[in-house]
């Protein structure tokens, strides 16, 4: 026996379900949420049901009866509607069922009573579930958007339609003249137009981007709208035409990458103006793009200062979007770089024996270079001409090197790297350093008397002099320590006999007790940083 509830499942139904036969499940009766006129066609009844059941049983039957608004529930219906079809899902357990257009003899508002039954036999009856507005309805017919795919060369979109009034009893329509219609065209355009005497309206606008378009009527007769129509611009193919696709600058020098951005129009290509572009290292995980915007002639240019071999990619940036063109075009620019070099360090010192000590660092700017290279140590008498290579040192880029070599008492020095065409590295020359010291000598060096009797006094004397760099005159060098050395006959070793101090005129003398045959010589062995060592002539003395 079928159980009837009104509005919701009764307590008795719940209680009965509790004592059901084990293993048998019963679905809950559907819940009638509401019943209304369909917004698109007021003569269509929409019934919204929540039919959630443990077994997921479908709604099997819907019956709607109509009676004039304000009449008693017992009054005989003016119409009974049993043909319904689900037209909308709210969720898996709730939806909307719609009837065909209802035919009634009299216009007006009617109360809708609904009875709904599931396939499991559960039934719900809801009185006064809603109202059917059986009236003449404003309708927008033949709504059209032309074109729905505008192009970059023609962005004009025309929206048109006809405002009519439809009689639900006859389904006949008649124009609704002078109706005010609100229009939406794309993302940004909102406008209002007035239908003509025949109810027709048409508006053309140039859109800047795609979107949706629809029409809406709000007037004394009620509300009318249409399904939204999508406006999707047809993106034109693009290409990047570079003036030059490869460069070979010196590291750090500027290069200008230029070209034209074009779009395809039929069989021809035309320039695109005002379009942002960017250039960045292709495939790099670090983004640091150079930006540019095309001019009225579609031209663009990027200025870069590459330091290493690379491939630049010219492309569209992620933003802003542009629906009118395809933004997939790219262009590659290959760059090879000639590395530059410079001596980041160059020092030289000349010791008291005229030995030159040199150190330096040859730096490289550009691609990584790990090869060993030769650095020439060069000498010139005047620092301008006559440069000769005195020694070649093997070193690596950006590594300090040291070397020593015989120097000159006065001269100019520099470092030179010749470069390499094989590894694409430019050569360089260091600054010039002048290195010199003052010459010293002991003039008139003499050991007297000779021969000399053993035990008698032997005197060693002389004059210490200096000659400064760049001069030819010898001058007295006073108040300096002079060492007097002696080498016995038949020996190779020199012995320091004493140290004396030169007078202001450079002269000095020292007496010794003669003991054995041998050679005497005065020397200047401890100069300051501005003088070389010096010596007098060796003098052999025969002791008898």
Protein backbone atom coordinates (compact mmCIF):
# COMPACT_ATOMS: atom_id res chain seq x y z
CA UNK A 1 0.00 0.00 0.00
CA UNK A 2 1.44 3.41 -1.01
CA UNK A 3 2.12 5.86 1.81
CA UNK A 4 1.28 9.59 1.32
CA UNK A 5 3.03 12.46 3.13
CA UNK A 6 2.55 16.18 2.83
CA UNK A 7 5.64 18.38 2.64
CA UNK A 8 8.04 16.01 4.41
CA UNK A 9 8.24 12.40 5.50
CA UNK A 10 5.95 11.79 8.53
CA UNK A 11 7.07 10.46 11.89
CA UNK A 12 5.00 7.36 11.18
CA UNK A 13 6.98 6.73 8.05
CA UNK A 14 10.22 6.91 10.00
CA UNK A 15 8.86 4.58 12.65
CA UNK A 16 7.66 2.11 10.01
CA UNK A 17 11.07 2.16 8.40
CA UNK A 18 12.66 1.32 11.76
CA UNK A 19 10.70 -1.95 11.95
CA UNK A 20 11.19 -2.91 8.32
CA UNK A 21 12.22 -6.42 7.37
CA UNK A 22 15.98 -6.87 7.92
CA UNK A 23 18.06 -6.49 4.77
CA UNK A 24 15.46 -4.26 3.07
CA UNK A 25 16.15 -0.51 2.52
CA UNK A 26 13.52 2.12 1.79
CA UNK A 27 14.12 5.43 0.02
CA UNK A 28 12.99 8.67 1.56
CA UNK A 29 10.18 10.51 -0.14
CA UNK A 30 11.24 13.38 -2.41
CA UNK A 31 11.14 16.92 -1.07
CA UNK A 32 9.44 19.52 -3.24
CA UNK A 33 11.58 22.61 -2.89
CA UNK A 34 9.54 24.93 -5.16
CA UNK A 35 7.58 25.24 -8.38
CA UNK A 36 7.76 28.33 -10.59
CA UNK A 37 7.38 29.68 -14.09
CA UNK A 38 10.49 29.06 -16.18
CA UNK A 39 12.40 32.31 -16.66
CA UNK A 40 12.73 31.77 -20.41
CA UNK A 41 9.11 30.69 -20.95
CA UNK A 42 6.61 31.63 -18.29
CA UNK A 43 4.13 29.00 -19.51
CA UNK A 44 6.58 26.24 -18.59
CA UNK A 45 6.43 24.81 -15.05
CA UNK A 46 9.79 24.22 -13.32
CA UNK A 47 9.70 21.90 -10.28
CA UNK A 48 12.75 21.68 -8.07
CA UNK A 49 13.05 18.42 -6.12
CA UNK A 50 15.40 17.00 -3.54
CA UNK A 51 15.07 13.30 -4.15
CA UNK A 52 18.02 12.13 -2.01
CA UNK A 53 17.57 8.50 -1.10
CA UNK A 54 19.87 5.87 0.34
CA UNK A 55 19.35 3.80 -2.78
CA UNK A 56 19.67 6.72 -5.14
CA UNK A 57 16.28 5.96 -6.72
CA UNK A 58 15.09 8.27 -9.48
CA UNK A 59 11.97 10.42 -9.54
CA UNK A 60 9.44 8.42 -11.47
CA UNK A 61 6.44 10.74 -11.69
CA UNK A 62 5.59 14.41 -11.14
CA UNK A 63 2.04 15.76 -11.24
CA UNK A 64 1.33 19.50 -11.11
CA UNK A 65 -2.20 20.93 -10.79
CA UNK A 66 -3.07 24.57 -11.40
CA UNK A 67 -5.72 26.69 -9.70
CA UNK A 68 -6.18 30.46 -9.64
CA UNK A 69 -4.11 32.27 -7.03
CA UNK A 70 -6.21 32.80 -3.90
CA UNK A 71 -8.52 29.82 -4.47
CA UNK A 72 -9.06 27.07 -1.91
CA UNK A 73 -7.00 23.90 -2.00
CA UNK A 74 -10.22 21.94 -2.58
CA UNK A 75 -11.15 23.88 -5.70
CA UNK A 76 -11.15 21.88 -8.92
CA UNK A 77 -7.87 22.42 -10.87
CA UNK A 78 -8.02 24.28 -14.16
CA UNK A 79 -5.30 22.04 -15.51
CA UNK A 80 -3.30 18.96 -14.57
CA UNK A 81 0.24 18.52 -15.96
CA UNK A 82 2.00 15.15 -15.80
CA UNK A 83 4.67 15.42 -18.49
CA UNK A 84 7.97 16.48 -16.93
CA UNK A 85 11.58 16.06 -17.93
CA UNK A 86 14.67 16.76 -15.87
CA UNK A 87 16.39 19.83 -17.35
CA UNK A 88 18.93 20.81 -14.70
CA UNK A 89 21.03 19.11 -12.03
CA UNK A 90 21.57 21.08 -8.82
CA UNK A 91 23.49 18.19 -7.28
CA UNK A 92 23.50 14.41 -7.44
CA UNK A 93 20.38 14.32 -5.27
CA UNK A 94 18.63 17.49 -6.39
CA UNK A 95 17.44 18.85 -9.73
CA UNK A 96 14.84 20.73 -11.75
CA UNK A 97 12.15 19.06 -13.85
CA UNK A 98 10.35 21.09 -16.53
CA UNK A 99 7.02 20.68 -18.33
CA UNK A 100 6.13 21.57 -21.91
CA UNK A 101 4.40 24.96 -22.36
CA UNK A 102 1.02 24.84 -20.63
CA UNK A 103 -2.14 25.89 -22.53
CA UNK A 104 -4.76 27.73 -20.45
CA UNK A 105 -7.82 29.63 -21.60
CA UNK A 106 -7.34 32.60 -19.27
CA UNK A 107 -4.26 34.74 -18.54
CA UNK A 108 -3.36 35.30 -14.91
CA UNK A 109 -1.41 33.87 -11.98
CA UNK A 110 -1.99 30.27 -10.91
CA UNK A 111 -1.04 28.40 -7.78
CA UNK A 112 0.98 25.23 -8.45
CA UNK A 113 0.29 22.11 -6.32
CA UNK A 114 2.85 19.32 -6.80
CA UNK A 115 2.86 15.57 -6.17
CA UNK A 116 6.19 13.74 -6.70
CA UNK A 117 6.83 10.01 -6.56
CA UNK A 118 10.09 8.04 -6.70
CA UNK A 119 10.54 4.68 -8.40
CA UNK A 120 10.52 3.19 -4.91
CA UNK A 121 6.96 4.32 -4.39
CA UNK A 122 7.70 7.17 -1.96
CA UNK A 123 5.41 10.15 -2.63
CA UNK A 124 5.31 13.73 -1.44
CA UNK A 125 2.47 16.21 -1.98
CA UNK A 126 3.09 19.90 -1.57
CA UNK A 127 0.27 22.38 -1.86
CA UNK A 128 1.04 25.94 -2.95
CA UNK A 129 4.55 25.05 -4.10
CA UNK A 130 4.76 28.21 -6.21
CA UNK A 131 3.11 30.41 -8.81
CA UNK A 132 2.76 30.11 -12.59
CA UNK A 133 2.77 33.57 -14.15
CA UNK A 134 0.56 32.88 -17.13
CA UNK A 135 0.90 36.29 -18.74
CA UNK A 136 2.07 37.90 -21.90
CA UNK A 137 5.86 37.67 -21.69
CA UNK A 138 8.56 39.97 -23.07
CA UNK A 139 10.98 37.88 -25.13
CA UNK A 140 14.23 38.67 -26.94
CA UNK A 141 14.17 36.74 -30.20
CA UNK A 142 16.82 36.10 -32.82
CA UNK A 143 19.61 37.41 -30.61
CA UNK A 144 22.83 37.37 -32.63
CA UNK A 145 26.46 38.42 -32.20
CA UNK A 146 28.30 38.99 -35.47
CA UNK A 147 31.05 38.03 -35.76
CA UNK A 148 31.78 35.89 -32.73
CA UNK A 149 35.43 35.74 -33.85
CA UNK A 150 36.50 39.30 -34.67
CA UNK A 151 39.99 39.81 -36.06
CA UNK A 152 42.79 42.27 -35.43
CA UNK A 153 41.90 44.01 -38.67
CA UNK A 154 38.19 44.23 -37.90
CA UNK A 155 37.33 44.38 -34.22
CA UNK A 156 33.77 45.61 -34.77
CA UNK A 157 31.07 43.37 -33.29
CA UNK A 158 27.37 43.83 -33.99
CA UNK A 159 24.78 42.72 -31.44
CA UNK A 160 21.17 42.49 -32.66
CA UNK A 161 17.78 40.99 -31.82
CA UNK A 162 14.04 41.58 -31.70
CA UNK A 163 11.93 42.53 -28.72
CA UNK A 164 8.53 40.81 -28.87
CA UNK A 165 5.63 40.00 -26.57
CA UNK A 166 4.51 36.37 -26.56
CA UNK A 167 0.94 35.29 -25.72
CA UNK A 168 1.26 31.97 -23.79
CA UNK A 169 -2.17 30.77 -24.85
CA UNK A 170 -1.60 31.16 -28.60
CA UNK A 171 2.25 31.22 -28.64
CA UNK A 172 1.88 34.13 -31.05
CA UNK A 173 4.28 37.09 -30.80
CA UNK A 174 4.01 40.74 -31.64
CA UNK A 175 6.72 43.43 -31.72
CA UNK A 176 7.52 45.41 -28.58
CA UNK A 177 8.42 48.85 -29.99
CA UNK A 178 10.60 51.42 -28.23
CA UNK A 179 11.75 48.89 -25.61
CA UNK A 180 14.90 49.76 -23.70
CA UNK A 181 17.47 46.96 -23.94
CA UNK A 182 20.65 46.71 -21.88
CA UNK A 183 23.60 45.17 -23.77
CA UNK A 184 26.90 43.69 -22.69
CA UNK A 185 29.52 43.34 -25.43
CA UNK A 186 32.79 41.69 -24.43
CA UNK A 187 34.53 42.39 -21.15
CA UNK A 188 34.21 46.16 -20.97
CA UNK A 189 31.34 47.48 -23.05
CA UNK A 190 27.99 48.05 -21.38
CA UNK A 191 25.42 50.10 -23.23
CA UNK A 192 21.67 50.65 -23.57
CA UNK A 193 19.76 50.84 -26.81
CA UNK A 194 16.10 51.36 -27.79
CA UNK A 195 14.27 49.00 -30.13
CA UNK A 196 12.66 50.55 -33.19
CA UNK A 197 8.96 50.51 -34.10
CA UNK A 198 9.23 46.86 -35.12
CA UNK A 199 11.02 45.91 -31.89
CA UNK A 200 14.36 45.42 -33.64
CA UNK A 201 17.62 46.61 -32.11
CA UNK A 202 21.20 46.55 -33.38
CA UNK A 203 24.39 47.99 -31.87
CA UNK A 204 27.94 47.85 -33.30
CA UNK A 205 31.01 48.42 -31.16
CA UNK A 206 34.73 47.91 -31.52
CA UNK A 207 35.90 45.52 -28.83
CA UNK A 208 39.38 45.56 -27.34
CA UNK A 209 39.21 42.01 -26.01
CA UNK A 210 36.97 38.97 -26.03
CA UNK A 211 34.39 37.97 -23.46
CA UNK A 212 30.66 37.39 -23.39
CA UNK A 213 27.70 39.20 -24.87
CA UNK A 214 24.05 39.23 -23.85
CA UNK A 215 20.93 41.38 -23.85
CA UNK A 216 18.55 42.17 -20.99
CA UNK A 217 15.13 43.77 -20.87
CA UNK A 218 13.66 45.17 -17.65
CA UNK A 219 10.32 46.87 -18.12
CA UNK A 220 6.67 47.05 -17.13
CA UNK A 221 6.00 43.64 -18.66
CA UNK A 222 8.76 41.97 -16.64
CA UNK A 223 12.26 40.67 -17.26
CA UNK A 224 13.80 39.01 -20.30
CA UNK A 225 17.29 37.89 -21.16
CA UNK A 226 19.13 35.58 -23.53
CA UNK A 227 21.84 32.91 -23.20
CA UNK A 228 25.32 34.40 -23.19
CA UNK A 229 27.24 34.32 -26.45
CA UNK A 230 31.03 34.00 -26.33
CA UNK A 231 33.18 36.48 -28.24
CA UNK A 232 36.52 34.86 -29.04
CA UNK A 233 38.94 36.93 -31.13
CA UNK A 234 40.66 35.00 -33.90
CA UNK A 235 44.35 35.32 -33.14
CA UNK A 236 46.46 36.19 -36.17
CA UNK A 237 49.75 34.30 -36.75
CA UNK A 238 52.85 36.37 -35.97
CA UNK A 239 56.52 36.27 -36.83
CA UNK A 240 59.71 38.01 -35.72
CA UNK A 241 61.95 39.09 -38.58
CA UNK A 242 65.45 39.93 -37.30
CA UNK A 243 67.81 42.27 -39.15
CA UNK A 244 70.74 40.16 -37.99
CA UNK A 245 70.73 36.75 -36.32
CA UNK A 246 74.35 36.46 -35.17
CA UNK A 247 76.93 38.73 -33.54
CA UNK A 248 80.60 38.49 -32.63
CA UNK A 249 81.44 41.40 -30.31
CA UNK A 250 84.32 41.91 -27.94
CA UNK A 251 83.31 41.12 -24.37
CA UNK A 252 81.36 44.01 -22.89
CA UNK A 253 80.80 45.81 -26.18
CA UNK A 254 77.22 46.77 -26.96
CA UNK A 255 75.21 44.98 -29.61
CA UNK A 256 71.84 46.07 -30.99
CA UNK A 257 69.37 43.33 -31.85
CA UNK A 258 66.66 44.77 -34.06
CA UNK A 259 63.89 43.62 -36.31
CA UNK A 260 60.19 43.80 -37.13
CA UNK A 261 57.19 42.11 -35.54
CA UNK A 262 54.58 41.16 -38.13
CA UNK A 263 51.17 39.49 -38.28
CA UNK A 264 49.66 37.54 -41.13
CA UNK A 265 46.81 39.08 -43.09
CA UNK A 266 45.72 36.71 -45.81
CA UNK A 267 48.78 36.08 -47.93
CA UNK A 268 50.69 39.13 -46.68
CA UNK A 269 52.48 40.11 -43.49
CA UNK A 270 51.91 43.46 -41.83
CA UNK A 271 53.74 45.28 -38.98
CA UNK A 272 52.40 45.15 -35.44
CA UNK A 273 52.72 48.30 -33.36
CA UNK A 274 52.64 48.84 -29.61
CA UNK A 275 53.42 45.22 -28.71
CA UNK A 276 55.74 44.50 -25.73
CA UNK A 277 58.62 42.12 -26.43
CA UNK A 278 61.53 40.84 -24.38
CA UNK A 279 64.96 39.36 -24.99
CA UNK A 280 66.65 37.01 -22.54
CA UNK A 281 69.24 34.24 -22.45
CA UNK A 282 67.59 31.19 -23.96
CA UNK A 283 67.02 28.35 -21.55
CA UNK A 284 68.36 30.31 -18.59
CA UNK A 285 66.93 29.56 -15.16
CA UNK A 286 67.59 33.17 -14.16
CA UNK A 287 65.21 35.68 -15.68
CA UNK A 288 66.59 39.11 -16.43
CA UNK A 289 64.94 40.12 -19.69
CA UNK A 290 65.61 43.24 -21.74
CA UNK A 291 62.32 44.87 -22.70
CA UNK A 292 61.17 46.74 -25.80
CA UNK A 293 57.91 47.81 -27.44
CA UNK A 294 57.33 47.84 -31.18
CA UNK A 295 56.92 51.21 -32.88
CA UNK A 296 54.26 52.27 -35.36
CA UNK A 297 56.22 50.49 -38.07
CA UNK A 298 56.50 47.28 -36.03
CA UNK A 299 60.19 47.89 -35.41
CA UNK A 300 61.93 46.95 -32.18
CA UNK A 301 65.48 46.97 -30.84
CA UNK A 302 67.31 45.61 -27.82
CA UNK A 303 70.73 46.75 -26.61
CA UNK A 304 72.85 44.18 -24.76
CA UNK A 305 76.45 43.91 -23.59
CA UNK A 306 77.29 40.19 -23.66
CA UNK A 307 80.38 38.93 -21.88
CA UNK A 308 80.10 35.27 -22.83
CA UNK A 309 79.00 33.11 -25.69
CA UNK A 310 75.22 32.85 -25.54
CA UNK A 311 71.97 32.51 -27.44
CA UNK A 312 69.40 35.23 -26.88
CA UNK A 313 65.73 34.54 -27.47
CA UNK A 314 63.37 37.28 -28.58
CA UNK A 315 59.82 36.45 -27.51
CA UNK A 316 56.58 37.77 -26.07
CA UNK A 317 56.54 38.35 -22.30
CA UNK A 318 54.02 36.40 -20.19
CA UNK A 319 51.98 39.55 -19.70
CA UNK A 320 50.05 41.46 -20.86
CA UNK A 321 47.90 38.98 -22.74
CA UNK A 322 46.79 39.85 -26.26
CA UNK A 323 43.88 37.91 -27.74
CA UNK A 324 44.31 39.34 -31.22
CA UNK A 325 47.61 37.70 -32.07
CA UNK A 326 49.30 34.38 -31.58
CA UNK A 327 52.05 34.96 -29.03
CA UNK A 328 54.13 31.87 -29.75
CA UNK A 329 56.60 33.37 -32.23
CA UNK A 330 60.25 33.46 -31.11
CA UNK A 331 63.58 34.27 -32.72
CA UNK A 332 67.09 33.19 -31.71
CA UNK A 333 70.17 35.42 -31.75
CA UNK A 334 73.54 33.65 -31.59
CA UNK A 335 76.38 35.54 -29.93
CA UNK A 336 80.07 34.59 -29.94
CA UNK A 337 82.31 36.74 -27.76
CA UNK A 338 85.97 37.65 -28.15
CA UNK A 339 87.45 37.67 -24.66
CA UNK A 340 89.55 40.64 -23.54
CA UNK A 341 92.52 40.59 -21.24
CA UNK A 342 94.33 43.02 -19.00
CA UNK A 343 97.09 42.83 -16.44
CA UNK A 344 95.36 43.25 -13.10
CA UNK A 345 98.69 43.29 -11.34
CA UNK A 346 102.25 44.17 -12.42
CA UNK A 347 105.06 44.82 -9.99
CA UNK A 348 108.84 44.79 -10.51
CA UNK A 349 111.82 45.36 -8.27
CA UNK A 350 115.56 45.66 -9.00
CA UNK A 351 117.93 44.39 -6.30
CA UNK A 352 121.44 45.59 -5.49
CA UNK A 353 122.96 43.07 -7.91
CA UNK A 354 120.75 44.20 -10.85
CA UNK A 355 118.47 41.15 -10.68
CA UNK A 356 114.87 41.96 -11.65
CA UNK A 357 111.94 40.33 -9.79
CA UNK A 358 108.59 40.46 -11.60
CA UNK A 359 105.08 39.43 -10.53
CA UNK A 360 101.72 39.88 -12.19
CA UNK A 361 98.17 38.65 -12.83
CA UNK A 362 96.71 38.38 -16.32
CA UNK A 363 92.94 38.71 -16.09
CA UNK A 364 90.43 37.67 -18.72
CA UNK A 365 86.92 38.99 -19.38
CA UNK A 366 84.61 36.88 -21.47
CA UNK A 367 84.08 33.15 -21.85
CA UNK A 368 85.79 30.87 -19.37
CA UNK A 369 89.39 30.11 -20.34
CA UNK A 370 91.48 27.55 -18.48
CA UNK A 371 94.38 27.26 -20.91
CA UNK A 372 98.01 28.12 -20.09
CA UNK A 373 99.37 31.17 -21.86
CA UNK A 374 102.73 32.87 -22.32
CA UNK A 375 103.43 36.33 -20.89
CA UNK A 376 106.47 38.16 -22.24
CA UNK A 377 108.63 40.29 -19.91
CA UNK A 378 109.93 43.08 -22.16
CA UNK A 379 112.67 45.72 -21.81
CA UNK A 380 113.25 49.08 -23.50
CA UNK A 381 116.06 51.60 -22.87
CA UNK A 382 113.73 54.58 -23.28
CA UNK A 383 110.27 53.10 -22.67
CA UNK A 384 109.13 53.90 -26.21
CA UNK A 385 111.14 51.95 -28.74
CA UNK A 386 113.39 48.94 -28.94
CA UNK A 387 111.24 46.62 -26.87
CA UNK A 388 112.81 43.19 -26.54
CA UNK A 389 111.49 40.10 -24.81
CA UNK A 390 113.87 39.17 -22.02
CA UNK A 391 111.86 36.21 -20.72
CA UNK A 392 108.52 34.42 -21.33
CA UNK A 393 106.53 33.18 -18.35
CA UNK A 394 103.85 30.46 -18.55
CA UNK A 395 100.77 31.21 -16.45
CA UNK A 396 97.00 30.77 -16.21
CA UNK A 397 94.41 33.51 -16.43
CA UNK A 398 93.64 35.21 -13.13
CA UNK A 399 96.54 33.47 -11.38
CA UNK A 400 99.51 35.34 -9.92
CA UNK A 401 102.93 34.51 -11.40
CA UNK A 402 106.48 35.35 -10.26
CA UNK A 403 109.82 35.27 -12.06
CA UNK A 404 113.35 36.67 -11.87
CA UNK A 405 115.82 37.60 -14.62
CA UNK A 406 118.97 39.66 -15.14
CA UNK A 407 118.06 43.32 -15.21
CA UNK A 408 119.65 46.54 -16.31
CA UNK A 409 121.01 49.34 -14.20
CA UNK A 410 118.40 51.61 -15.76
CA UNK A 411 115.53 50.69 -18.06
CA UNK A 412 111.81 50.33 -18.73
CA UNK A 413 109.81 47.15 -18.29
CA UNK A 414 106.39 45.91 -19.33
CA UNK A 415 104.36 42.72 -19.67
CA UNK A 416 102.78 41.67 -22.93
CA UNK A 417 100.27 38.96 -23.86
CA UNK A 418 99.90 38.43 -27.61
CA UNK A 419 96.38 36.96 -27.52
CA UNK A 420 95.10 33.95 -29.44
CA UNK A 421 92.98 33.61 -32.55
CA UNK A 422 92.51 29.91 -31.75
CA UNK A 423 90.81 30.54 -28.43
CA UNK A 424 89.36 33.92 -29.49
CA UNK A 425 91.16 36.02 -26.88
CA UNK A 426 92.53 39.51 -27.42
CA UNK A 427 96.05 40.37 -26.32
CA UNK A 428 97.07 43.19 -23.99
CA UNK A 429 100.07 45.15 -22.75
CA UNK A 430 100.67 46.31 -19.21
CA UNK A 431 101.65 49.74 -18.04
CA UNK A 432 105.37 50.60 -18.18
CA UNK A 433 107.59 50.59 -15.08
CA UNK A 434 111.02 52.21 -14.92
CA UNK A 435 113.47 50.41 -12.65
CA UNK A 436 116.97 51.68 -11.79
CA UNK A 437 119.49 52.32 -9.01
CA UNK A 438 122.48 54.57 -8.69
CA UNK A 439 125.81 52.98 -9.65
CA UNK A 440 128.57 52.89 -7.06
CA UNK A 441 132.32 52.38 -7.36
CA UNK A 442 135.52 52.73 -5.37
CA UNK A 443 137.95 54.86 -7.30
CA UNK A 444 141.72 54.78 -6.80
CA UNK A 445 141.51 51.63 -4.69
CA UNK A 446 145.05 50.72 -3.59
CA UNK A 447 146.94 48.65 -1.04
CA UNK A 448 150.37 50.11 -0.24
CA UNK A 449 153.29 49.67 0.08
CA UNK A 450 153.98 46.70 -2.08
CA UNK A 451 155.97 44.71 -1.52
CA UNK A 452 155.90 45.12 2.25
CA UNK A 453 157.91 43.67 5.08
CA UNK A 454 156.13 41.19 7.29
CA UNK A 455 154.88 42.90 10.45
CA UNK A 456 154.93 46.32 8.85
CA UNK A 457 151.74 48.38 8.26
CA UNK A 458 149.82 47.89 5.02
CA UNK A 459 147.29 50.62 4.11
CA UNK A 460 144.16 50.05 2.00
CA UNK A 461 142.51 53.19 0.69
CA UNK A 462 140.16 54.56 -1.99
CA UNK A 463 137.26 56.92 -2.74
CA UNK A 464 133.59 55.76 -2.69
CA UNK A 465 131.56 57.39 -5.47
CA UNK A 466 128.01 57.22 -6.88
CA UNK A 467 126.47 58.00 -10.26
CA UNK A 468 122.70 58.49 -10.25
CA UNK A 469 120.48 57.09 -12.99
CA UNK A 470 120.21 59.30 -16.03
CA UNK A 471 123.48 61.14 -15.30
CA UNK A 472 127.11 60.71 -16.40
CA UNK A 473 128.84 62.36 -13.45
CA UNK A 474 130.44 60.50 -10.57
CA UNK A 475 130.19 62.20 -7.18
CA UNK A 476 131.57 61.52 -3.73
CA UNK A 477 129.41 59.22 -1.61
CA UNK A 478 130.25 59.97 1.99
CA UNK A 479 129.28 58.54 5.37
CA UNK A 480 128.78 55.03 3.97
CA UNK A 481 130.12 51.72 5.18
CA UNK A 482 132.89 50.17 3.06
CA UNK A 483 134.03 46.59 3.60
CA UNK A 484 137.71 45.65 3.16
CA UNK A 485 138.19 42.06 2.06
CA UNK A 486 141.34 39.89 1.92
CA UNK A 487 141.98 36.59 0.09
CA UNK A 488 145.19 34.80 1.11
CA UNK A 489 147.45 33.55 -1.64
CA UNK A 490 146.35 30.15 -2.94
CA UNK A 491 142.84 30.42 -1.39
CA UNK A 492 139.43 31.05 -2.97
CA UNK A 493 137.69 32.48 0.06
CA UNK A 494 137.45 36.19 0.83
CA UNK A 495 137.64 37.29 4.44
CA UNK A 496 136.13 40.48 5.86
CA UNK A 497 138.99 42.26 7.56
CA UNK A 498 137.15 45.37 8.71
CA UNK A 499 134.46 47.94 7.86
CA UNK A 500 135.26 51.64 7.51
CA UNK A 501 133.16 54.74 6.87
CA UNK A 502 133.80 57.02 3.94
CA UNK A 503 134.43 60.68 4.61
CA UNK A 504 132.31 63.45 3.11
CA UNK A 505 134.58 63.47 0.04
CA UNK A 506 134.14 59.68 -0.23
CA UNK A 507 137.69 58.85 0.79
CA UNK A 508 138.67 56.20 3.31
CA UNK A 509 141.86 54.40 4.43
CA UNK A 510 142.75 51.67 6.88
CA UNK A 511 146.07 50.23 8.00
CA UNK A 512 146.75 46.52 8.65
CA UNK A 513 149.80 44.59 9.97
CA UNK A 514 151.17 42.65 7.03
CA UNK A 515 151.13 38.89 7.74
CA UNK A 516 151.03 37.00 4.42
CA UNK A 517 150.80 37.34 0.70
CA UNK A 518 147.34 37.94 -0.73
CA UNK A 519 144.85 40.14 -2.52
CA UNK A 520 143.06 43.14 -1.02
CA UNK A 521 139.91 44.82 -2.29
CA UNK A 522 137.54 47.46 -0.83
CA UNK A 523 133.80 46.86 -1.60
CA UNK A 524 130.48 48.58 -1.00
CA UNK A 525 128.26 45.60 -0.06
CA UNK A 526 125.34 47.06 1.90
CA UNK A 527 123.64 49.70 -0.28
CA UNK A 528 120.18 51.14 0.34
CA UNK A 529 117.25 50.47 -2.03
CA UNK A 530 118.43 53.16 -4.43
CA UNK A 531 122.01 51.97 -5.01
CA UNK A 532 123.84 49.01 -6.46
CA UNK A 533 126.82 47.35 -4.80
CA UNK A 534 130.23 48.62 -5.93
CA UNK A 535 133.85 47.73 -5.60
CA UNK A 536 137.41 48.87 -6.31
CA UNK A 537 140.09 46.98 -8.18
CA UNK A 538 141.78 44.01 -6.57
CA UNK A 539 145.40 44.62 -5.47
CA UNK A 540 147.88 41.81 -4.77
CA UNK A 541 150.49 42.52 -2.08
CA UNK A 542 153.73 40.54 -1.65
CA UNK A 543 154.69 40.22 2.02
CA UNK A 544 158.42 39.45 2.53
